[in-house]
Amino acid sequence: MKHNIGSLDRIVRIVLGLAALGLGFYFKSWWGLAGLLPLLTGLVRICPAYLPLGLSTCPRNKR
């Protein structure tokens, strides 16, 4: 499967995912688990929501 998440998008997802997990841990809330989705998509560089829409934030390869 081709990557569809670019560098900036990846960094934002990882930072927001970690922040949500940290806040959930701090406030002892299950809502912090919502941070797993952006963290996981940022780490694997594939967003399932982008696939049916044909979106990608990756730069195109120049040949």
PDB file of N, CA and C in Angstrom:
ATOM      1  N   MET A   1       0.844  -1.174   0.000  1.00  0.00           N
ATOM      2  CA  MET A   1       0.000   0.000   0.000  1.00  0.00           C
ATOM      3  C   MET A   1       0.893   1.244   0.000  1.00  0.00           C
ATOM      4  N   LYS A   2       0.529   2.209  -0.812  1.00  0.00           N
ATOM      5  CA  LYS A   2       1.319   3.429  -0.911  1.00  0.00           C
ATOM      6  C   LYS A   2       1.008   4.360   0.260  1.00  0.00           C
ATOM      7  N   HIS A   3       2.029   5.057   0.690  1.00  0.00           N
ATOM      8  CA  HIS A   3       1.850   6.042   1.758  1.00  0.00           C
ATOM      9  C   HIS A   3       1.035   7.216   1.222  1.00  0.00           C
ATOM     10  N   ASN A   4       0.137   7.753   2.055  1.00  0.00           N
ATOM     11  CA  ASN A   4      -0.646   8.911   1.644  1.00  0.00           C
ATOM     12  C   ASN A   4      -0.593  10.031   2.684  1.00  0.00           C
ATOM     13  N   ILE A   5       0.361   9.951   3.595  1.00  0.00           N
ATOM     14  CA  ILE A   5       0.530  10.988   4.609  1.00  0.00           C
ATOM     15  C   ILE A   5       1.927  11.571   4.457  1.00  0.00           C
ATOM     16  N   GLY A   6       1.995  12.877   4.246  1.00  0.00           N
ATOM     17  CA  GLY A   6       3.274  13.563   4.089  1.00  0.00           C
ATOM     18  C   GLY A   6       3.948  13.851   5.417  1.00  0.00           C
ATOM     19  N   SER A   7       5.110  14.484   5.352  1.00  0.00           N
ATOM     20  CA  SER A   7       5.930  14.718   6.539  1.00  0.00           C
ATOM     21  C   SER A   7       5.253  15.619   7.568  1.00  0.00           C
ATOM     22  N   LEU A   8       4.745  16.760   7.130  1.00  0.00           N
ATOM     23  CA  LEU A   8       4.109  17.680   8.069  1.00  0.00           C
ATOM     24  C   LEU A   8       2.847  17.060   8.666  1.00  0.00           C
ATOM     25  N   ASP A   9       2.042  16.425   7.846  1.00  0.00           N
ATOM     26  CA  ASP A   9       0.825  15.756   8.310  1.00  0.00           C
ATOM     27  C   ASP A   9       1.183  14.674   9.324  1.00  0.00           C
ATOM     28  N   ARG A  10       2.254  13.955   9.067  1.00  0.00           N
ATOM     29  CA  ARG A  10       2.692  12.885   9.961  1.00  0.00           C
ATOM     30  C   ARG A  10       3.103  13.438  11.322  1.00  0.00           C
ATOM     31  N   ILE A  11       3.884  14.501  11.317  1.00  0.00           N
ATOM     32  CA  ILE A  11       4.348  15.101  12.576  1.00  0.00           C
ATOM     33  C   ILE A  11       3.167  15.610  13.391  1.00  0.00           C
ATOM     34  N   VAL A  12       2.227  16.281  12.729  1.00  0.00           N
ATOM     35  CA  VAL A  12       1.051  16.819  13.433  1.00  0.00           C
ATOM     36  C   VAL A  12       0.238  15.692  14.048  1.00  0.00           C
ATOM     37  N   ARG A  13       0.028  14.614  13.303  1.00  0.00           N
ATOM     38  CA  ARG A  13      -0.747  13.485  13.819  1.00  0.00           C
ATOM     39  C   ARG A  13      -0.069  12.845  15.025  1.00  0.00           C
ATOM     40  N   ILE A  14       1.239  12.661  14.953  1.00  0.00           N
ATOM     41  CA  ILE A  14       1.958  12.034  16.068  1.00  0.00           C
ATOM     42  C   ILE A  14       1.919  12.917  17.309  1.00  0.00           C
ATOM     43  N   VAL A  15       2.146  14.218  17.139  1.00  0.00           N
ATOM     44  CA  VAL A  15       2.138  15.135  18.277  1.00  0.00           C
ATOM     45  C   VAL A  15       0.741  15.200  18.906  1.00  0.00           C
ATOM     46  N   LEU A  16      -0.302  15.326  18.077  1.00  0.00           N
ATOM     47  CA  LEU A  16      -1.662  15.385  18.615  1.00  0.00           C
ATOM     48  C   LEU A  16      -2.072  14.070  19.272  1.00  0.00           C
ATOM     49  N   GLY A  17      -1.656  12.960  18.694  1.00  0.00           N
ATOM     50  CA  GLY A  17      -1.957  11.661  19.285  1.00  0.00           C
ATOM     51  C   GLY A  17      -1.316  11.495  20.650  1.00  0.00           C
ATOM     52  N   LEU A  18      -0.042  11.873  20.743  1.00  0.00           N
ATOM     53  CA  LEU A  18       0.653  11.787  22.030  1.00  0.00           C
ATOM     54  C   LEU A  18       0.055  12.747  23.056  1.00  0.00           C
ATOM     55  N   ALA A  19      -0.339  13.941  22.607  1.00  0.00           N
ATOM     56  CA  ALA A  19      -0.948  14.909  23.513  1.00  0.00           C
ATOM     57  C   ALA A  19      -2.286  14.384  24.045  1.00  0.00           C
ATOM     58  N   ALA A  20      -3.096  13.797  23.173  1.00  0.00           N
ATOM     59  CA  ALA A  20      -4.390  13.255  23.608  1.00  0.00           C
ATOM     60  C   ALA A  20      -4.191  12.104  24.587  1.00  0.00           C
ATOM     61  N   LEU A  21      -3.221  11.238  24.301  1.00  0.00           N
ATOM     62  CA  LEU A  21      -2.936  10.145  25.228  1.00  0.00           C
ATOM     63  C   LEU A  21      -2.455  10.676  26.579  1.00  0.00           C
ATOM     64  N   GLY A  22      -1.585  11.671  26.538  1.00  0.00           N
ATOM     65  CA  GLY A  22      -1.079  12.263  27.776  1.00  0.00           C
ATOM     66  C   GLY A  22      -2.177  12.931  28.589  1.00  0.00           C
ATOM     67  N   LEU A  23      -3.049  13.670  27.921  1.00  0.00           N
ATOM     68  CA  LEU A  23      -4.155  14.318  28.629  1.00  0.00           C
ATOM     69  C   LEU A  23      -5.129  13.290  29.207  1.00  0.00           C
ATOM     70  N   GLY A  24      -5.380  12.236  28.458  1.00  0.00           N
ATOM     71  CA  GLY A  24      -6.253  11.180  28.959  1.00  0.00           C
ATOM     72  C   GLY A  24      -5.668  10.507  30.183  1.00  0.00           C
ATOM     73  N   PHE A  25      -4.359  10.294  30.174  1.00  0.00           N
ATOM     74  CA  PHE A  25      -3.693   9.706  31.329  1.00  0.00           C
ATOM     75  C   PHE A  25      -3.721  10.673  32.514  1.00  0.00           C
ATOM     76  N   TYR A  26      -3.464  11.953  32.245  1.00  0.00           N
ATOM     77  CA  TYR A  26      -3.431  12.956  33.316  1.00  0.00           C
ATOM     78  C   TYR A  26      -4.794  13.108  33.993  1.00  0.00           C
ATOM     79  N   PHE A  27      -5.855  13.176  33.168  1.00  0.00           N
ATOM     80  CA  PHE A  27      -7.202  13.361  33.712  1.00  0.00           C
ATOM     81  C   PHE A  27      -7.904  12.032  34.012  1.00  0.00           C
ATOM     82  N   LYS A  28      -7.190  10.920  33.832  1.00  0.00           N
ATOM     83  CA  LYS A  28      -7.741   9.591  34.075  1.00  0.00           C
ATOM     84  C   LYS A  28      -9.055   9.389  33.333  1.00  0.00           C
ATOM     85  N   SER A  29      -9.006   9.676  32.026  1.00  0.00           N
ATOM     86  CA  SER A  29     -10.182   9.587  31.171  1.00  0.00           C
ATOM     87  C   SER A  29      -9.931   8.609  30.033  1.00  0.00           C
ATOM     88  N   TRP A  30     -10.963   7.846  29.692  1.00  0.00           N
ATOM     89  CA  TRP A  30     -10.872   6.928  28.560  1.00  0.00           C
ATOM     90  C   TRP A  30     -10.811   7.675  27.234  1.00  0.00           C
ATOM     91  N   TRP A  31     -11.174   8.946  27.215  1.00  0.00           N
ATOM     92  CA  TRP A  31     -11.133   9.730  25.978  1.00  0.00           C
ATOM     93  C   TRP A  31      -9.711   9.871  25.447  1.00  0.00           C
ATOM     94  N   GLY A  32      -8.739   9.680  26.287  1.00  0.00           N
ATOM     95  CA  GLY A  32      -7.350   9.744  25.846  1.00  0.00           C
ATOM     96  C   GLY A  32      -7.011   8.666  24.830  1.00  0.00           C
ATOM     97  N   LEU A  33      -7.757   7.572  24.846  1.00  0.00           N
ATOM     98  CA  LEU A  33      -7.516   6.500  23.875  1.00  0.00           C
ATOM     99  C   LEU A  33      -7.820   6.948  22.453  1.00  0.00           C
ATOM    100  N   ALA A  34      -8.561   8.026  22.297  1.00  0.00           N
ATOM    101  CA  ALA A  34      -8.823   8.567  20.961  1.00  0.00           C
ATOM    102  C   ALA A  34      -7.525   9.038  20.310  1.00  0.00           C
ATOM    103  N   GLY A  35      -6.500   9.257  21.096  1.00  0.00           N
ATOM    104  CA  GLY A  35      -5.203   9.651  20.566  1.00  0.00           C
ATOM    105  C   GLY A  35      -4.471   8.523  19.860  1.00  0.00           C
ATOM    106  N   LEU A  36      -4.942   7.293  20.041  1.00  0.00           N
ATOM    107  CA  LEU A  36      -4.291   6.163  19.372  1.00  0.00           C
ATOM    108  C   LEU A  36      -4.477   6.210  17.859  1.00  0.00           C
ATOM    109  N   LEU A  37      -5.620   6.681  17.389  1.00  0.00           N
ATOM    110  CA  LEU A  37      -5.886   6.703  15.948  1.00  0.00           C
ATOM    111  C   LEU A  37      -4.935   7.643  15.199  1.00  0.00           C
ATOM    112  N   PRO A  38      -4.818   8.912  15.586  1.00  0.00           N
ATOM    113  CA  PRO A  38      -3.857   9.755  14.859  1.00  0.00           C
ATOM    114  C   PRO A  38      -2.409   9.298  15.058  1.00  0.00           C
ATOM    115  N   LEU A  39      -2.096   8.758  16.225  1.00  0.00           N
ATOM    116  CA  LEU A  39      -0.744   8.271  16.471  1.00  0.00           C
ATOM    117  C   LEU A  39      -0.431   7.085  15.553  1.00  0.00           C
ATOM    118  N   LEU A  40      -1.344   6.152  15.450  1.00  0.00           N
ATOM    119  CA  LEU A  40      -1.136   4.980  14.609  1.00  0.00           C
ATOM    120  C   LEU A  40      -1.042   5.351  13.129  1.00  0.00           C
ATOM    121  N   THR A  41      -1.944   6.214  12.653  1.00  0.00           N
ATOM    122  CA  THR A  41      -1.896   6.600  11.248  1.00  0.00           C
ATOM    123  C   THR A  41      -0.628   7.406  10.941  1.00  0.00           C
ATOM    124  N   GLY A  42      -0.160   8.182  11.905  1.00  0.00           N
ATOM    125  CA  GLY A  42       1.080   8.920  11.704  1.00  0.00           C
ATOM    126  C   GLY A  42       2.296   8.015  11.646  1.00  0.00           C
ATOM    127  N   LEU A  43       2.285   6.951  12.432  1.00  0.00           N
ATOM    128  CA  LEU A  43       3.420   6.036  12.456  1.00  0.00           C
ATOM    129  C   LEU A  43       3.486   5.159  11.213  1.00  0.00           C
ATOM    130  N   VAL A  44       2.338   4.712  10.716  1.00  0.00           N
ATOM    131  CA  VAL A  44       2.350   3.833   9.537  1.00  0.00           C
ATOM    132  C   VAL A  44       2.243   4.616   8.233  1.00  0.00           C
ATOM    133  N   ARG A  45       1.950   5.913   8.308  1.00  0.00           N
ATOM    134  CA  ARG A  45       1.876   6.824   7.159  1.00  0.00           C
ATOM    135  C   ARG A  45       0.787   6.469   6.160  1.00  0.00           C
ATOM    136  N   ILE A  46      -0.283   5.818   6.645  1.00  0.00           N
ATOM    137  CA  ILE A  46      -1.428   5.503   5.791  1.00  0.00           C
ATOM    138  C   ILE A  46      -2.688   5.905   6.534  1.00  0.00           C
ATOM    139  N   CYS A  47      -3.509   6.740   5.907  1.00  0.00           N
ATOM    140  CA  CYS A  47      -4.771   7.157   6.497  1.00  0.00           C
ATOM    141  C   CYS A  47      -5.911   6.488   5.724  1.00  0.00           C
ATOM    142  N   PRO A  48      -6.662   5.595   6.376  1.00  0.00           N
ATOM    143  CA  PRO A  48      -7.765   4.919   5.691  1.00  0.00           C
ATOM    144  C   PRO A  48      -8.845   5.879   5.193  1.00  0.00           C
ATOM    145  N   ALA A  49      -9.022   7.008   5.843  1.00  0.00           N
ATOM    146  CA  ALA A  49     -10.036   7.975   5.415  1.00  0.00           C
ATOM    147  C   ALA A  49      -9.643   8.664   4.108  1.00  0.00           C
ATOM    148  N   TYR A  50      -8.357   8.761   3.831  1.00  0.00           N
ATOM    149  CA  TYR A  50      -7.893   9.374   2.589  1.00  0.00           C
ATOM    150  C   TYR A  50      -8.092   8.463   1.378  1.00  0.00           C
ATOM    151  N   LEU A  51      -8.087   7.144   1.590  1.00  0.00           N
ATOM    152  CA  LEU A  51      -8.129   6.189   0.484  1.00  0.00           C
ATOM    153  C   LEU A  51      -9.361   6.326  -0.408  1.00  0.00           C
ATOM    154  N   PRO A  52     -10.598   6.281   0.128  1.00  0.00           N
ATOM    155  CA  PRO A  52     -11.755   6.375  -0.770  1.00  0.00           C
ATOM    156  C   PRO A  52     -11.891   7.740  -1.444  1.00  0.00           C
ATOM    157  N   LEU A  53     -11.319   8.760  -0.820  1.00  0.00           N
ATOM    158  CA  LEU A  53     -11.397  10.105  -1.383  1.00  0.00           C
ATOM    159  C   LEU A  53     -10.262  10.392  -2.363  1.00  0.00           C
ATOM    160  N   GLY A  54      -9.278   9.519  -2.399  1.00  0.00           N
ATOM    161  CA  GLY A  54      -8.144   9.711  -3.299  1.00  0.00           C
ATOM    162  C   GLY A  54      -7.225  10.838  -2.869  1.00  0.00           C
ATOM    163  N   LEU A  55      -7.220  11.172  -1.593  1.00  0.00           N
ATOM    164  CA  LEU A  55      -6.377  12.264  -1.091  1.00  0.00           C
ATOM    165  C   LEU A  55      -4.998  11.758  -0.705  1.00  0.00           C
ATOM    166  N   SER A  56      -4.039  12.652  -0.752  1.00  0.00           N
ATOM    167  CA  SER A  56      -2.687  12.343  -0.325  1.00  0.00           C
ATOM    168  C   SER A  56      -1.980  13.658  -0.013  1.00  0.00           C
ATOM    169  N   THR A  57      -1.215  13.654   1.086  1.00  0.00           N
ATOM    170  CA  THR A  57      -0.420  14.836   1.431  1.00  0.00           C
ATOM    171  C   THR A  57       1.052  14.582   1.146  1.00  0.00           C
ATOM    172  N   CYS A  58       1.362  13.428   0.541  1.00  0.00           N
ATOM    173  CA  CYS A  58       2.737  13.114   0.143  1.00  0.00           C
ATOM    174  C   CYS A  58       3.095  13.906  -1.108  1.00  0.00           C
ATOM    175  N   PRO A  59       4.329  14.403  -1.160  1.00  0.00           N
ATOM    176  CA  PRO A  59       4.751  15.057  -2.403  1.00  0.00           C
ATOM    177  C   PRO A  59       4.884  14.019  -3.506  1.00  0.00           C
ATOM    178  N   ARG A  60       4.626  14.437  -4.716  1.00  0.00           N
ATOM    179  CA  ARG A  60       4.734  13.520  -5.860  1.00  0.00           C
ATOM    180  C   ARG A  60       6.193  13.284  -6.191  1.00  0.00           C
ATOM    181  N   ASN A  61       6.488  12.072  -6.616  1.00  0.00           N
ATOM    182  CA  ASN A  61       7.852  11.756  -7.029  1.00  0.00           C
ATOM    183  C   ASN A  61       8.141  12.426  -8.375  1.00  0.00           C
ATOM    184  N   LYS A  62       9.265  13.115  -8.428  1.00  0.00           N
ATOM    185  CA  LYS A  62       9.656  13.799  -9.667  1.00  0.00           C
ATOM    186  C   LYS A  62      10.656  12.936 -10.395  1.00  0.00           C
ATOM    187  N   ARG A  63      10.322  12.572 -11.627  1.00  0.00           N
ATOM    188  CA  ARG A  63      11.224  11.735 -12.438  1.00  0.00           C
ATOM    189  C   ARG A  63      11.480  12.395 -13.746  1.00  0.00           C
TER     190      ARG A  63
END
